[in-house]
């Protein structure tokens, strides 16, 4: 449980940093970043696996690059669900996903956590 809370706090900090780096993404405050981190965790554990299974042929055809599109759609869905989180377009959501992944990877490496 403590491990999950630490990961959630680090992920919410990564959401804030990524939103500050990209002009097309905004998060009102840290509370909304925490909510976004929680919503993304829920969506990634429930909806994402279903989308991955349904799009296996397309993912194989694109050599796995379609997984980036799935991540982008999950971020857009989170933007629609959380009122204090706004993403301007599909491309900003894709960039946000890539930047968020990179920042989160750095945090996990520094904290000694496994991804």
N, C-alpha and C. Protein backbone atom coordinates (compact mmCIF):
# COMPACT_ATOMS: atom_id res chain seq x y z
N UNK A 1 0.82 -1.20 0.00
CA UNK A 1 0.00 0.00 0.00
C UNK A 1 0.86 1.26 0.00
N UNK A 2 1.91 1.25 0.82
CA UNK A 2 2.82 2.40 0.86
C UNK A 2 3.51 2.58 -0.49
N UNK A 3 3.89 1.47 -1.11
CA UNK A 3 4.51 1.51 -2.42
C UNK A 3 3.59 2.17 -3.45
N UNK A 4 2.30 1.82 -3.41
CA UNK A 4 1.33 2.41 -4.33
C UNK A 4 1.20 3.91 -4.08
N UNK A 5 1.16 4.33 -2.82
CA UNK A 5 1.03 5.75 -2.51
C UNK A 5 2.25 6.55 -2.96
N UNK A 6 3.43 5.98 -2.77
CA UNK A 6 4.65 6.65 -3.22
C UNK A 6 4.62 6.80 -4.74
N UNK A 7 4.24 5.74 -5.43
CA UNK A 7 4.16 5.80 -6.89
C UNK A 7 3.13 6.82 -7.35
N UNK A 8 2.00 6.88 -6.67
CA UNK A 8 0.95 7.83 -7.03
C UNK A 8 1.43 9.27 -6.82
N UNK A 9 2.12 9.53 -5.72
CA UNK A 9 2.64 10.87 -5.46
C UNK A 9 3.71 11.26 -6.49
N UNK A 10 4.60 10.33 -6.83
CA UNK A 10 5.62 10.61 -7.84
C UNK A 10 4.98 10.83 -9.21
N UNK A 11 3.96 10.04 -9.52
CA UNK A 11 3.29 10.17 -10.81
C UNK A 11 2.56 11.51 -10.90
N UNK A 12 1.95 11.94 -9.78
CA UNK A 12 1.26 13.24 -9.80
C UNK A 12 2.26 14.38 -9.96
N UNK A 13 3.44 14.24 -9.36
CA UNK A 13 4.48 15.24 -9.56
C UNK A 13 4.95 15.25 -11.02
N UNK A 14 5.05 14.08 -11.62
CA UNK A 14 5.41 13.97 -13.04
C UNK A 14 4.34 14.62 -13.92
N UNK A 15 3.07 14.46 -13.55
CA UNK A 15 1.97 15.10 -14.29
C UNK A 15 2.14 16.62 -14.24
N UNK A 16 2.43 17.16 -13.07
CA UNK A 16 2.63 18.61 -12.94
C UNK A 16 3.81 19.11 -13.77
N UNK A 17 4.91 18.40 -13.70
CA UNK A 17 6.10 18.80 -14.46
C UNK A 17 5.83 18.74 -15.95
N UNK A 18 5.23 17.66 -16.42
CA UNK A 18 4.93 17.51 -17.85
C UNK A 18 3.96 18.59 -18.32
N UNK A 19 2.97 18.93 -17.49
CA UNK A 19 2.01 19.97 -17.86
C UNK A 19 2.69 21.33 -17.92
N UNK A 20 3.69 21.57 -17.09
CA UNK A 20 4.42 22.83 -17.13
C UNK A 20 5.37 22.92 -18.31
N UNK A 21 5.84 21.78 -18.80
CA UNK A 21 6.74 21.76 -19.95
C UNK A 21 5.96 22.02 -21.24
N UNK A 22 4.77 21.44 -21.35
CA UNK A 22 3.99 21.52 -22.60
C UNK A 22 2.92 22.61 -22.51
N UNK A 23 2.86 23.47 -23.50
CA UNK A 23 1.89 24.57 -23.51
C UNK A 23 0.45 24.11 -23.70
N UNK A 24 0.25 23.01 -24.38
CA UNK A 24 -1.09 22.55 -24.70
C UNK A 24 -1.75 21.71 -23.62
N UNK A 25 -1.09 21.56 -22.49
CA UNK A 25 -1.61 20.77 -21.38
C UNK A 25 -1.60 21.64 -20.13
N UNK A 26 -2.70 21.61 -19.38
CA UNK A 26 -2.73 22.40 -18.15
C UNK A 26 -3.38 21.59 -17.02
N UNK A 27 -2.83 21.79 -15.83
CA UNK A 27 -3.37 21.20 -14.61
C UNK A 27 -3.50 22.37 -13.64
N UNK A 28 -4.68 22.54 -13.05
CA UNK A 28 -4.92 23.70 -12.20
C UNK A 28 -4.02 23.74 -10.98
N UNK A 29 -3.88 22.64 -10.25
CA UNK A 29 -3.04 22.62 -9.05
C UNK A 29 -2.64 21.18 -8.73
N UNK A 30 -1.93 21.02 -7.60
CA UNK A 30 -1.42 19.69 -7.26
C UNK A 30 -2.54 18.70 -6.95
N UNK A 31 -3.64 19.19 -6.38
CA UNK A 31 -4.77 18.30 -6.09
C UNK A 31 -5.31 17.68 -7.37
N UNK A 32 -5.46 18.49 -8.41
CA UNK A 32 -5.92 17.95 -9.69
C UNK A 32 -4.87 17.02 -10.30
N UNK A 33 -3.59 17.32 -10.11
CA UNK A 33 -2.55 16.41 -10.61
C UNK A 33 -2.63 15.06 -9.91
N UNK A 34 -2.94 15.07 -8.62
CA UNK A 34 -3.12 13.83 -7.88
C UNK A 34 -4.34 13.06 -8.39
N UNK A 35 -5.41 13.78 -8.68
CA UNK A 35 -6.62 13.15 -9.23
C UNK A 35 -6.32 12.58 -10.61
N UNK A 36 -5.60 13.34 -11.44
CA UNK A 36 -5.24 12.86 -12.78
C UNK A 36 -4.40 11.59 -12.67
N UNK A 37 -3.45 11.57 -11.75
CA UNK A 37 -2.62 10.37 -11.56
C UNK A 37 -3.48 9.17 -11.17
N UNK A 38 -4.44 9.38 -10.28
CA UNK A 38 -5.33 8.30 -9.87
C UNK A 38 -6.22 7.82 -11.00
N UNK A 39 -6.78 8.77 -11.76
CA UNK A 39 -7.65 8.42 -12.88
C UNK A 39 -6.86 7.67 -13.95
N UNK A 40 -5.64 8.15 -14.25
CA UNK A 40 -4.81 7.45 -15.24
C UNK A 40 -4.46 6.05 -14.77
N UNK A 41 -4.21 5.88 -13.48
CA UNK A 41 -3.91 4.55 -12.94
C UNK A 41 -5.11 3.62 -13.11
N UNK A 42 -6.29 4.13 -12.84
CA UNK A 42 -7.51 3.32 -12.99
C UNK A 42 -7.76 2.98 -14.45
N UNK A 43 -7.65 3.99 -15.33
CA UNK A 43 -7.89 3.75 -16.76
C UNK A 43 -6.84 2.79 -17.34
N UNK A 44 -5.59 2.94 -16.91
CA UNK A 44 -4.52 2.05 -17.42
C UNK A 44 -4.67 0.62 -16.93
N UNK A 45 -5.35 0.44 -15.81
CA UNK A 45 -5.52 -0.93 -15.32
C UNK A 45 -6.84 -1.56 -15.74
N UNK A 46 -7.78 -0.77 -16.26
CA UNK A 46 -9.07 -1.33 -16.65
C UNK A 46 -9.31 -1.26 -18.16
N UNK A 47 -9.31 -0.07 -18.71
CA UNK A 47 -9.67 0.12 -20.12
C UNK A 47 -8.51 -0.20 -21.06
N UNK A 48 -7.30 0.17 -20.69
CA UNK A 48 -6.16 -0.02 -21.58
C UNK A 48 -5.94 -1.49 -21.97
N UNK A 49 -5.99 -2.44 -21.02
CA UNK A 49 -5.80 -3.84 -21.44
C UNK A 49 -6.84 -4.30 -22.47
N UNK A 50 -8.07 -3.86 -22.30
CA UNK A 50 -9.11 -4.21 -23.26
C UNK A 50 -8.80 -3.63 -24.64
N UNK A 51 -8.39 -2.36 -24.68
CA UNK A 51 -8.03 -1.75 -25.96
C UNK A 51 -6.84 -2.43 -26.61
N UNK A 52 -5.87 -2.83 -25.80
CA UNK A 52 -4.69 -3.51 -26.34
C UNK A 52 -5.09 -4.84 -26.96
N UNK A 53 -5.95 -5.59 -26.29
CA UNK A 53 -6.40 -6.88 -26.83
C UNK A 53 -7.20 -6.70 -28.12
N UNK A 54 -8.08 -5.70 -28.13
CA UNK A 54 -8.92 -5.48 -29.31
C UNK A 54 -8.13 -5.00 -30.53
N UNK A 55 -6.98 -4.39 -30.29
CA UNK A 55 -6.21 -3.82 -31.40
C UNK A 55 -4.91 -4.57 -31.67
N UNK A 56 -4.83 -5.82 -31.28
CA UNK A 56 -3.61 -6.61 -31.50
C UNK A 56 -3.20 -6.62 -32.98
N UNK A 57 -4.12 -6.87 -33.92
CA UNK A 57 -3.68 -6.87 -35.33
C UNK A 57 -3.08 -5.53 -35.77
N UNK A 58 -3.70 -4.44 -35.36
CA UNK A 58 -3.19 -3.12 -35.72
C UNK A 58 -1.86 -2.83 -35.04
N UNK A 59 -1.72 -3.28 -33.81
CA UNK A 59 -0.46 -3.10 -33.08
C UNK A 59 0.66 -3.88 -33.74
N UNK A 60 0.37 -5.10 -34.17
CA UNK A 60 1.39 -5.92 -34.86
C UNK A 60 1.74 -5.28 -36.19
N UNK A 61 0.73 -4.81 -36.92
CA UNK A 61 0.95 -4.20 -38.22
C UNK A 61 1.82 -2.95 -38.12
N UNK A 62 1.67 -2.18 -37.03
CA UNK A 62 2.45 -0.95 -36.85
C UNK A 62 3.69 -1.18 -36.00
N UNK A 63 4.02 -2.43 -35.75
CA UNK A 63 5.20 -2.80 -34.95
C UNK A 63 5.17 -2.18 -33.55
N UNK A 64 3.98 -2.11 -32.98
CA UNK A 64 3.82 -1.65 -31.61
C UNK A 64 3.57 -0.16 -31.45
N UNK A 65 3.68 0.60 -32.52
CA UNK A 65 3.50 2.05 -32.42
C UNK A 65 2.05 2.44 -32.10
N UNK A 66 1.12 1.56 -32.39
CA UNK A 66 -0.28 1.88 -32.08
C UNK A 66 -0.50 1.97 -30.57
N UNK A 67 0.38 1.39 -29.77
CA UNK A 67 0.26 1.50 -28.32
C UNK A 67 0.40 2.95 -27.87
N UNK A 68 1.16 3.75 -28.61
CA UNK A 68 1.26 5.19 -28.30
C UNK A 68 -0.09 5.86 -28.53
N UNK A 69 -0.80 5.44 -29.55
CA UNK A 69 -2.14 5.99 -29.82
C UNK A 69 -3.10 5.60 -28.70
N UNK A 70 -3.01 4.38 -28.22
CA UNK A 70 -3.86 3.94 -27.12
C UNK A 70 -3.56 4.77 -25.87
N UNK A 71 -2.28 5.02 -25.57
CA UNK A 71 -1.93 5.87 -24.43
C UNK A 71 -2.49 7.27 -24.60
N UNK A 72 -2.43 7.78 -25.82
CA UNK A 72 -2.97 9.11 -26.11
C UNK A 72 -4.47 9.16 -25.87
N UNK A 73 -5.18 8.14 -26.30
CA UNK A 73 -6.63 8.09 -26.08
C UNK A 73 -6.97 8.00 -24.59
N UNK A 74 -6.17 7.28 -23.83
CA UNK A 74 -6.38 7.19 -22.38
C UNK A 74 -6.19 8.57 -21.74
N UNK A 75 -5.18 9.31 -22.19
CA UNK A 75 -4.94 10.66 -21.65
C UNK A 75 -6.08 11.60 -22.03
N UNK A 76 -6.57 11.50 -23.25
CA UNK A 76 -7.72 12.33 -23.66
C UNK A 76 -8.97 11.99 -22.84
N UNK A 77 -9.16 10.72 -22.54
CA UNK A 77 -10.30 10.32 -21.72
C UNK A 77 -10.15 10.89 -20.30
N UNK A 78 -8.94 10.85 -19.76
CA UNK A 78 -8.69 11.43 -18.43
C UNK A 78 -8.95 12.93 -18.45
N UNK A 79 -8.58 13.59 -19.55
CA UNK A 79 -8.83 15.02 -19.68
C UNK A 79 -10.32 15.32 -19.69
N UNK A 80 -11.09 14.43 -20.28
CA UNK A 80 -12.54 14.60 -20.33
C UNK A 80 -13.16 14.34 -18.95
N UNK A 81 -12.58 13.43 -18.18
CA UNK A 81 -13.14 13.06 -16.88
C UNK A 81 -12.77 14.01 -15.75
N UNK A 82 -11.57 14.59 -15.79
CA UNK A 82 -11.09 15.44 -14.69
C UNK A 82 -11.22 16.91 -15.10
N UNK A 83 -12.05 17.67 -14.38
CA UNK A 83 -12.31 19.06 -14.79
C UNK A 83 -11.10 19.99 -14.70
N UNK A 84 -10.15 19.76 -13.82
CA UNK A 84 -9.00 20.65 -13.68
C UNK A 84 -7.83 20.29 -14.56
N UNK A 85 -8.05 19.36 -15.49
CA UNK A 85 -6.99 18.86 -16.38
C UNK A 85 -7.46 19.07 -17.80
N UNK A 86 -6.70 19.82 -18.59
CA UNK A 86 -7.10 20.13 -19.96
C UNK A 86 -5.96 19.81 -20.92
N UNK A 87 -6.31 19.10 -22.00
CA UNK A 87 -5.36 18.81 -23.08
C UNK A 87 -5.95 19.40 -24.35
N UNK A 88 -5.16 20.21 -25.05
CA UNK A 88 -5.65 20.98 -26.19
C UNK A 88 -6.01 20.12 -27.41
N UNK A 89 -5.23 19.07 -27.68
CA UNK A 89 -5.49 18.28 -28.88
C UNK A 89 -4.89 16.89 -28.74
N UNK A 90 -5.14 16.08 -29.76
CA UNK A 90 -4.60 14.73 -29.81
C UNK A 90 -3.07 14.76 -29.74
N UNK A 91 -2.46 15.67 -30.49
CA UNK A 91 -1.00 15.73 -30.56
C UNK A 91 -0.39 16.19 -29.25
N UNK A 92 -1.05 17.12 -28.55
CA UNK A 92 -0.57 17.53 -27.23
C UNK A 92 -0.68 16.36 -26.25
N UNK A 93 -1.74 15.58 -26.38
CA UNK A 93 -1.91 14.41 -25.51
C UNK A 93 -0.82 13.38 -25.78
N UNK A 94 -0.46 13.21 -27.05
CA UNK A 94 0.60 12.27 -27.39
C UNK A 94 1.94 12.75 -26.81
N UNK A 95 2.23 14.02 -26.98
CA UNK A 95 3.45 14.58 -26.42
C UNK A 95 3.46 14.49 -24.90
N UNK A 96 2.32 14.74 -24.29
CA UNK A 96 2.21 14.65 -22.83
C UNK A 96 2.49 13.22 -22.37
N UNK A 97 1.97 12.24 -23.08
CA UNK A 97 2.21 10.85 -22.72
C UNK A 97 3.68 10.47 -22.80
N UNK A 98 4.36 10.96 -23.82
CA UNK A 98 5.78 10.65 -24.00
C UNK A 98 6.61 11.35 -22.92
N UNK A 99 6.33 12.63 -22.67
CA UNK A 99 7.06 13.37 -21.64
C UNK A 99 6.77 12.77 -20.26
N UNK A 100 5.52 12.41 -20.01
CA UNK A 100 5.13 11.82 -18.74
C UNK A 100 5.85 10.49 -18.52
N UNK A 101 5.94 9.68 -19.55
CA UNK A 101 6.65 8.41 -19.44
C UNK A 101 8.12 8.64 -19.09
N UNK A 102 8.76 9.62 -19.75
CA UNK A 102 10.17 9.90 -19.53
C UNK A 102 10.42 10.40 -18.10
N UNK A 103 9.61 11.35 -17.64
CA UNK A 103 9.77 11.88 -16.29
C UNK A 103 9.51 10.79 -15.25
N UNK A 104 8.48 10.00 -15.47
CA UNK A 104 8.16 8.93 -14.54
C UNK A 104 9.27 7.88 -14.49
N UNK A 105 9.89 7.60 -15.62
CA UNK A 105 11.02 6.65 -15.65
C UNK A 105 12.19 7.18 -14.83
N UNK A 106 12.45 8.47 -14.93
CA UNK A 106 13.52 9.08 -14.14
C UNK A 106 13.19 8.99 -12.65
N UNK A 107 11.96 9.33 -12.27
CA UNK A 107 11.55 9.26 -10.86
C UNK A 107 11.66 7.84 -10.32
N UNK A 108 11.22 6.86 -11.09
CA UNK A 108 11.28 5.48 -10.63
C UNK A 108 12.73 5.02 -10.47
N UNK A 109 13.60 5.44 -11.36
CA UNK A 109 15.02 5.08 -11.25
C UNK A 109 15.65 5.74 -10.02
N UNK A 110 15.33 6.99 -9.79
CA UNK A 110 15.91 7.70 -8.64
C UNK A 110 15.39 7.18 -7.31
N UNK A 111 14.13 6.74 -7.31
CA UNK A 111 13.55 6.26 -6.04
C UNK A 111 13.83 4.78 -5.78
N UNK A 112 14.40 4.11 -6.78
CA UNK A 112 14.71 2.70 -6.63
C UNK A 112 13.50 1.80 -6.82
N UNK A 113 12.40 2.36 -7.30
CA UNK A 113 11.19 1.58 -7.54
C UNK A 113 11.31 0.88 -8.90
N UNK A 114 10.60 -0.22 -9.03
CA UNK A 114 10.53 -0.91 -10.32
C UNK A 114 9.26 -0.46 -11.03
N UNK A 115 9.35 -0.35 -12.34
CA UNK A 115 8.20 0.11 -13.13
C UNK A 115 7.09 -0.86 -13.18
